[in-house]
């Protein structure tokens, strides 16, 4: 058993002083507030939060950071992203993902949802192991010290009209959903990993093939994620082809429900929001990416009020900072409505922690409570950003740079702001 004494710990809906936290077998065995510091307990100075969950990641997009900050649209950015995807190899992707996941660990992220679609070699040729790219990502997460849910994406067509995959996108496809399911079923993850399903988007999976992906996930009780209404152009194409919005198309395919997470959900009709909320479909907001790509501001508060649990992701990794994602959910609402105070601090912390873990299939993580996975993130309260804010204001002042200690499943991964095993800045520089 290992004991920690948190100066402040985020329990339930806010910070509590002097909390003794005991860990046994990678889980919290007891959480006792109001206990004076003890000599046998490791001191956690600052504010200790549950581990963050990054519910939406494309690890290889990190290679674009700082290189595509120019004029253009999402669609021109996508061409640059495809150039990176064309260069990926299993070994190269492993090295890149390990560095990116280690950067996440430094930011307090203890679990990532990797929305994975570069499955195959050039021209769509299968590797000897058809899941070699998946194995590379799962190994990268283990070496970085975090858990992963591999959200294996079905990606079959280039457009809503069914244009076939060509060029680099041939690497993404399995031919049809049945062959996608056969390949994914052959991959057995190690204990730190889980496998979920993803419908890349309504433009990438024909309507008649979506139920196969849904059924695969449902049969396993696995998470199902989907990019939804990120771009107005996608909505327009779906309406022209199917006379339904993307949300309506997914609903008709049985793809909505408590195990499903819609990513972005930026451009929705009122009835779309109601449909998502009524079915308990979660929504993953990715504010730093959505503003970086000029996607628009989604209706986060309205979705939460409709009944959709909200979680957060760093998506393209223009920024990896869950404090920034959480704050941005509130700040974007302020920009949209010209009013302040849409989300409480407790709601934002929940989105960054428990709700994200649940969306990734780890319902036993994301809170500091007996029986839960022992994930802890301690944030300094004496940095130039957080000094004077106190524990209640840290969420609105701290950044990833203020993360001092990170514990994942009871193992220390970050100590005094440094990764326990990797020189992350060097690795990222070497991969540039």
Foldseek 3Di string as FASTA:
>chain_A
DAKAWECWEQFQQFIAGTWIWDDDQQFTAFIHGPDDDDPRHHYQYFYKFFFFEFQEAAQQLQVCQPPPQDDDFLVVVVVVVLVSLLPDDLVLLLLSLLLSLLLLVLQRHQEYEHADFLQDHWQLHADPLSRSNVVSNCVSNVNSRHAYEYAQEAFAAQFLVRHGDDGSCSSRHQNALVSVLVSVVVDDHPPSYHYHYEHAFSTGHHLVRVLSNQVSCVVVVFAYEYAAPLAVVNQVRCCVVPVDGRLVSCVVSVNAACRYEYEQQADDDPVSLLSNQVRQHAYEYQQVVSVSNVSHQHPVLSSVVSHHQYAYHNYSPSDNKLLVRLVSNQVSVCVVPVDHDRDAPSSSLCRRFQSSCVNRPQNLGRRSRRRRRPWMWRFHCCDPQRPPQPRRRCSVGDTSQRTAWIAGSNRTQHHGSHGPPDPSVVSNVVSD
